[in-house]
């Protein structure tokens, strides 16, 4: 219900329909100095740097299906973003909801991203920080979401569940004990972390010079995975560099697709959190090696 309230608030607080963001002008790139390191080191550095799960939680991902909702954009611009985000989800192996589905990924455009982010949080605070353990990142990071001034910002909410989908934390207002399954192994767990919702705000003035297909690819990346908005990604070939000065990024890259494929293929059931991150990195390394192997 809180997510629906936030969606309604986004529509109510919206500005008049926006014109499409313009195509970027030609850019002359400065000389790039490439640091020599092994593929394994490169992959490990990327995976460890971008994953941003709540403290004490393993990486979360969507389970089976997503539904993308877009507010405060012209219909044609909104459709481009829906299509691009949905394409990224399909590539990751997820299903995409039909038109009219209940959105669990909400994209809101505004002429003032900070004001929109604050309004969304004020309208539905429990949608952003539900009252159960490990649902989201910290209050400080939520403050950064509201005041960070980024061209695109995002916020994820996740929940631990058992193999058969039962919630494994005590929910607000539920006096009963959470379902904690009997662990049969010291190395593996029967719990996983599912994403429940994602809020994404586009600050249109700060995103000027880009087209909606580029924005859709960027949003697809940050919607499918818990990405650290402050991660250092300049050394990697990723759409996360879309707003880096002097970089020309057309959209989702092979590197990005490899990361998402590895995240969604990984068996995230190791007991130790660093082992789960390592599982994603190992799969990505194999995928990158296969991509560069002579045919």
Protein backbone atom coordinates (compact mmCIF):
# COMPACT_ATOMS: atom_id res chain seq x y z
CA UNK A 1 0.00 0.00 0.00
CA UNK A 2 2.84 2.40 0.84
CA UNK A 3 4.35 1.87 -2.62
CA UNK A 4 0.99 2.69 -4.24
CA UNK A 5 0.76 5.83 -2.06
CA UNK A 6 4.19 6.92 -3.27
CA UNK A 7 3.17 6.31 -6.89
CA UNK A 8 0.03 8.42 -6.41
CA UNK A 9 2.14 11.14 -4.82
CA UNK A 10 4.49 11.10 -7.79
CA UNK A 11 1.59 11.65 -10.16
CA UNK A 12 0.04 14.36 -8.00
CA UNK A 13 3.33 16.21 -7.60
CA UNK A 14 4.24 15.97 -11.28
CA UNK A 15 5.03 18.95 -13.44
CA UNK A 16 3.55 19.50 -16.92
CA UNK A 17 4.62 16.87 -19.46
CA UNK A 18 8.28 17.26 -20.35
CA UNK A 19 9.87 17.52 -23.77
CA UNK A 20 12.20 14.73 -24.77
CA UNK A 21 15.77 15.10 -23.59
CA UNK A 22 17.95 16.18 -26.48
CA UNK A 23 20.49 13.98 -28.20
CA UNK A 24 24.04 14.54 -26.89
CA UNK A 25 26.43 16.71 -28.92
CA UNK A 26 29.61 15.20 -30.31
CA UNK A 27 32.30 14.93 -27.66
CA UNK A 28 36.08 14.89 -28.02
CA UNK A 29 37.54 12.42 -25.55
CA UNK A 30 40.73 13.11 -23.65
CA UNK A 31 43.54 10.59 -23.75
CA UNK A 32 42.73 7.62 -21.49
CA UNK A 33 45.47 5.92 -19.49
CA UNK A 34 44.61 2.24 -18.99
CA UNK A 35 45.95 0.57 -15.86
CA UNK A 36 47.33 -2.88 -16.51
CA UNK A 37 45.70 -5.59 -14.39
CA UNK A 38 44.35 -9.07 -14.84
CA UNK A 39 40.80 -9.79 -15.90
CA UNK A 40 40.14 -11.43 -12.54
CA UNK A 41 41.28 -8.30 -10.70
CA UNK A 42 39.16 -6.11 -12.95
CA UNK A 43 36.03 -8.20 -12.45
CA UNK A 44 36.54 -8.50 -8.69
CA UNK A 45 37.11 -4.75 -8.38
CA UNK A 46 33.90 -3.98 -10.26
CA UNK A 47 31.70 -6.49 -8.44
CA UNK A 48 32.95 -5.56 -4.99
CA UNK A 49 32.67 -1.86 -5.78
CA UNK A 50 29.14 -1.69 -7.15
CA UNK A 51 27.17 -4.06 -4.89
CA UNK A 52 25.27 -2.05 -2.28
CA UNK A 53 23.10 -4.38 -0.20
CA UNK A 54 21.84 -3.30 3.24
CA UNK A 55 24.32 -3.92 6.06
CA UNK A 56 24.40 -7.58 7.00
CA UNK A 57 22.43 -8.70 3.95
CA UNK A 58 23.48 -10.59 0.85
CA UNK A 59 22.82 -9.14 -2.62
CA UNK A 60 19.15 -9.10 -3.56
CA UNK A 61 17.55 -9.52 -6.97
CA UNK A 62 14.05 -9.62 -8.42
CA UNK A 63 12.22 -12.92 -8.22
CA UNK A 64 10.51 -13.91 -11.47
CA UNK A 65 8.65 -10.74 -12.50
CA UNK A 66 8.95 -6.96 -12.62
CA UNK A 67 6.50 -4.25 -13.59
CA UNK A 68 7.73 -0.80 -14.62
CA UNK A 69 5.73 2.36 -13.98
CA UNK A 70 6.74 5.83 -15.23
CA UNK A 71 5.27 9.13 -14.03
CA UNK A 72 5.51 12.75 -15.24
CA UNK A 73 6.72 12.12 -18.78
CA UNK A 74 4.99 12.30 -22.15
CA UNK A 75 3.54 8.97 -23.18
CA UNK A 76 6.09 8.37 -25.96
CA UNK A 77 9.07 9.21 -23.72
CA UNK A 78 7.71 7.09 -20.89
CA UNK A 79 7.22 4.17 -23.27
CA UNK A 80 10.86 4.30 -24.34
CA UNK A 81 11.96 3.99 -20.73
CA UNK A 82 9.48 1.21 -20.00
CA UNK A 83 10.65 -0.68 -23.08
CA UNK A 84 14.35 -0.32 -22.29
CA UNK A 85 14.03 -1.27 -18.62
CA UNK A 86 11.82 -4.22 -19.57
CA UNK A 87 14.38 -5.35 -22.15
CA UNK A 88 17.12 -5.34 -19.51
CA UNK A 89 14.87 -7.37 -17.21
CA UNK A 90 14.12 -9.92 -19.93
CA UNK A 91 17.83 -10.24 -20.71
CA UNK A 92 18.42 -11.01 -17.02
CA UNK A 93 15.89 -13.86 -17.27
CA UNK A 94 12.93 -12.13 -15.62
CA UNK A 95 9.32 -11.86 -16.74
CA UNK A 96 7.76 -8.45 -17.43
CA UNK A 97 4.25 -7.50 -16.41
CA UNK A 98 1.60 -6.60 -18.97
CA UNK A 99 0.30 -3.00 -19.31
CA UNK A 100 -1.75 -2.13 -16.24
CA UNK A 101 0.27 -4.36 -13.91
CA UNK A 102 1.04 -3.21 -10.37
CA UNK A 103 4.38 -1.41 -10.59
CA UNK A 104 7.25 -2.54 -8.40
CA UNK A 105 9.75 -0.33 -10.27
CA UNK A 106 8.59 3.30 -10.16
CA UNK A 107 10.39 5.87 -12.34
CA UNK A 108 9.47 9.51 -11.69
CA UNK A 109 10.70 12.49 -13.73
CA UNK A 110 10.91 16.00 -12.32
CA UNK A 111 12.41 19.43 -12.94
CA UNK A 112 13.71 19.26 -9.36
CA UNK A 113 14.94 15.79 -8.41
CA UNK A 114 15.73 16.69 -4.81
CA UNK A 115 12.26 18.11 -4.19
CA UNK A 116 10.61 15.11 -5.84
CA UNK A 117 12.67 12.62 -3.83
CA UNK A 118 11.81 14.41 -0.57
CA UNK A 119 8.13 14.55 -1.48
CA UNK A 120 8.03 10.82 -2.24
CA UNK A 121 9.69 9.91 1.05
CA UNK A 122 7.44 12.27 3.02
CA UNK A 123 4.32 10.88 1.31
CA UNK A 124 5.15 7.24 2.08
CA UNK A 125 8.11 6.86 4.50
CA UNK A 126 7.38 3.18 5.15
CA UNK A 127 7.69 2.46 1.44
CA UNK A 128 11.35 3.50 1.65
CA UNK A 129 12.28 2.14 5.07
CA UNK A 130 9.80 -0.58 6.13
CA UNK A 131 9.89 -1.49 9.77
CA UNK A 132 11.71 -4.80 9.50
CA UNK A 133 15.39 -5.63 9.70
CA UNK A 134 17.56 -5.26 6.60
CA UNK A 135 14.87 -3.84 4.31
CA UNK A 136 17.01 -1.03 2.90
CA UNK A 137 20.18 0.95 3.31
CA UNK A 138 20.71 3.39 6.19
CA UNK A 139 18.89 6.58 7.13
CA UNK A 140 21.97 8.55 6.14
CA UNK A 141 21.87 7.01 2.67
CA UNK A 142 18.15 7.79 2.41
CA UNK A 143 19.05 11.40 3.17
CA UNK A 144 21.58 11.27 0.34
CA UNK A 145 18.82 9.94 -1.94
CA UNK A 146 16.79 13.05 -1.15
CA UNK A 147 19.57 15.65 -1.27
CA UNK A 148 22.36 14.20 -3.41
CA UNK A 149 21.57 16.17 -6.56
CA UNK A 150 22.20 13.25 -8.94
CA UNK A 151 20.74 13.29 -12.47
CA UNK A 152 19.27 9.84 -11.71
CA UNK A 153 18.93 8.46 -8.19
CA UNK A 154 17.51 5.17 -6.91
CA UNK A 155 16.37 3.38 -3.77
CA UNK A 156 15.76 -0.37 -3.34
CA UNK A 157 13.75 -2.27 -0.75
CA UNK A 158 14.36 -6.00 -0.25
CA UNK A 159 13.23 -8.81 2.02
CA UNK A 160 14.70 -12.18 3.05
CA UNK A 161 12.57 -15.19 2.17
CA UNK A 162 12.89 -18.96 2.40
CA UNK A 163 13.34 -21.28 -0.56
CA UNK A 164 9.56 -21.67 -0.79
CA UNK A 165 8.93 -17.93 -0.63
CA UNK A 166 7.93 -17.49 3.02
CA UNK A 167 8.98 -14.20 4.63
CA UNK A 168 11.86 -14.79 7.04
CA UNK A 169 11.69 -11.60 9.15
CA UNK A 170 9.14 -10.29 11.61
CA UNK A 171 6.88 -7.83 9.82
CA UNK A 172 5.48 -4.69 11.49
CA UNK A 173 2.29 -5.46 13.39
CA UNK A 174 2.86 -9.22 13.26
CA UNK A 175 3.30 -10.61 16.79
CA UNK A 176 4.33 -14.03 15.54
CA UNK A 177 7.88 -15.19 15.10
CA UNK A 178 9.31 -15.07 11.58
CA UNK A 179 9.76 -18.29 9.63
CA UNK A 180 13.40 -19.27 10.08
CA UNK A 181 14.07 -22.64 8.45
CA UNK A 182 16.31 -25.27 9.97
CA UNK A 183 19.80 -24.90 8.51
CA UNK A 184 21.24 -28.20 7.30
CA UNK A 185 24.69 -26.99 6.28
CA UNK A 186 27.46 -24.88 7.73
CA UNK A 187 28.34 -23.68 4.24
CA UNK A 188 24.97 -22.84 2.72
CA UNK A 189 21.72 -21.17 3.75
CA UNK A 190 18.11 -21.77 2.73
CA UNK A 191 17.39 -18.02 2.68
CA UNK A 192 17.58 -15.59 -0.22
CA UNK A 193 16.98 -11.85 -0.53
CA UNK A 194 14.31 -10.66 -2.96
CA UNK A 195 13.86 -7.12 -4.18
CA UNK A 196 10.38 -5.80 -3.37
CA UNK A 197 10.44 -2.31 -4.87
CA UNK A 198 12.68 0.26 -6.55
CA UNK A 199 12.17 4.02 -6.67
CA UNK A 200 14.05 5.94 -9.37
CA UNK A 201 13.97 9.72 -9.83
CA UNK A 202 15.13 11.49 -13.01
CA UNK A 203 16.21 15.12 -12.60
CA UNK A 204 15.50 16.35 -16.13
CA UNK A 205 17.66 19.51 -16.10
CA UNK A 206 20.66 17.53 -14.81
CA UNK A 207 20.05 14.80 -17.40
CA UNK A 208 19.90 17.22 -20.33
CA UNK A 209 21.94 16.26 -23.37
CA UNK A 210 20.89 12.61 -23.19
CA UNK A 211 18.09 10.79 -24.96
CA UNK A 212 15.52 8.57 -23.33
CA UNK A 213 17.00 5.37 -24.71
CA UNK A 214 20.28 6.11 -22.93
CA UNK A 215 18.39 6.96 -19.76
CA UNK A 216 16.30 3.80 -20.09
CA UNK A 217 19.42 1.62 -20.29
CA UNK A 218 20.97 3.36 -17.29
CA UNK A 219 17.75 2.97 -15.30
CA UNK A 220 17.50 -0.67 -16.36
CA UNK A 221 20.94 -1.33 -14.87
CA UNK A 222 20.28 0.37 -11.54
CA UNK A 223 16.76 -1.07 -11.28
CA UNK A 224 17.86 -4.70 -11.69
CA UNK A 225 20.68 -4.60 -9.12
CA UNK A 226 21.56 -2.86 -5.87
CA UNK A 227 24.19 -0.50 -7.28
CA UNK A 228 26.16 1.84 -5.04
CA UNK A 229 25.46 5.37 -6.38
CA UNK A 230 28.92 6.45 -5.21
CA UNK A 231 30.82 3.55 -6.79
CA UNK A 232 33.95 4.45 -8.76
CA UNK A 233 33.26 3.05 -12.23
CA UNK A 234 35.40 5.22 -14.52
CA UNK A 235 37.84 2.36 -15.18
CA UNK A 236 35.11 0.07 -16.53
CA UNK A 237 33.12 -0.11 -19.76
CA UNK A 238 29.71 0.40 -18.19
CA UNK A 239 26.56 2.45 -18.67
CA UNK A 240 27.12 3.64 -15.09
CA UNK A 241 29.55 6.16 -16.62
CA UNK A 242 26.72 7.85 -18.50
CA UNK A 243 27.08 11.05 -16.47
CA UNK A 244 30.87 11.06 -16.30
CA UNK A 245 32.31 14.20 -17.98
CA UNK A 246 34.10 13.42 -21.21
CA UNK A 247 32.65 9.92 -21.58
CA UNK A 248 30.44 8.93 -24.50
CA UNK A 249 28.17 6.06 -23.48
CA UNK A 250 25.49 4.92 -25.89
CA UNK A 251 23.72 2.54 -23.54
CA UNK A 252 24.00 -0.80 -21.78
CA UNK A 253 27.34 -2.46 -22.55
CA UNK A 254 28.46 -6.06 -22.82
CA UNK A 255 30.16 -5.62 -19.46
CA UNK A 256 26.86 -4.56 -17.88
CA UNK A 257 24.98 -7.48 -19.42
CA UNK A 258 27.66 -9.85 -18.15
CA UNK A 259 27.32 -8.50 -14.61
CA UNK A 260 23.53 -8.78 -14.55
CA UNK A 261 23.61 -12.26 -16.08
CA UNK A 262 26.08 -13.36 -13.41
CA UNK A 263 24.04 -11.79 -10.60
CA UNK A 264 20.87 -13.57 -11.73
CA UNK A 265 22.57 -16.89 -12.47
CA UNK A 266 24.50 -17.05 -9.20
CA UNK A 267 23.44 -19.41 -6.41
CA UNK A 268 23.26 -16.82 -3.66
CA UNK A 269 22.98 -19.33 -0.84
CA UNK A 270 26.44 -19.25 0.70
CA UNK A 271 26.51 -18.63 4.46
CA UNK A 272 29.15 -15.88 4.27
CA UNK A 273 28.24 -12.64 2.49
CA UNK A 274 31.64 -12.24 0.83
CA UNK A 275 31.24 -15.75 -0.61
CA UNK A 276 27.99 -14.68 -2.27
CA UNK A 277 29.70 -11.65 -3.81
CA UNK A 278 32.53 -13.95 -4.86
CA UNK A 279 30.05 -16.27 -6.59
CA UNK A 280 28.83 -13.37 -8.75
CA UNK A 281 32.41 -12.40 -9.54
CA UNK A 282 33.40 -15.94 -10.48
CA UNK A 283 30.49 -16.29 -12.91
CA UNK A 284 31.26 -12.92 -14.45
CA UNK A 285 34.91 -13.87 -14.86
CA UNK A 286 33.92 -17.06 -16.71
CA UNK A 287 31.50 -15.12 -18.90
CA UNK A 288 34.16 -12.54 -19.79
CA UNK A 289 36.74 -15.25 -20.52
CA UNK A 290 34.27 -17.01 -22.81
CA UNK A 291 33.51 -13.74 -24.62
CA UNK A 292 37.19 -13.08 -25.36
CA UNK A 293 38.15 -16.67 -26.24
CA UNK A 294 38.90 -17.15 -29.96
CA UNK A 295 36.11 -18.98 -31.76
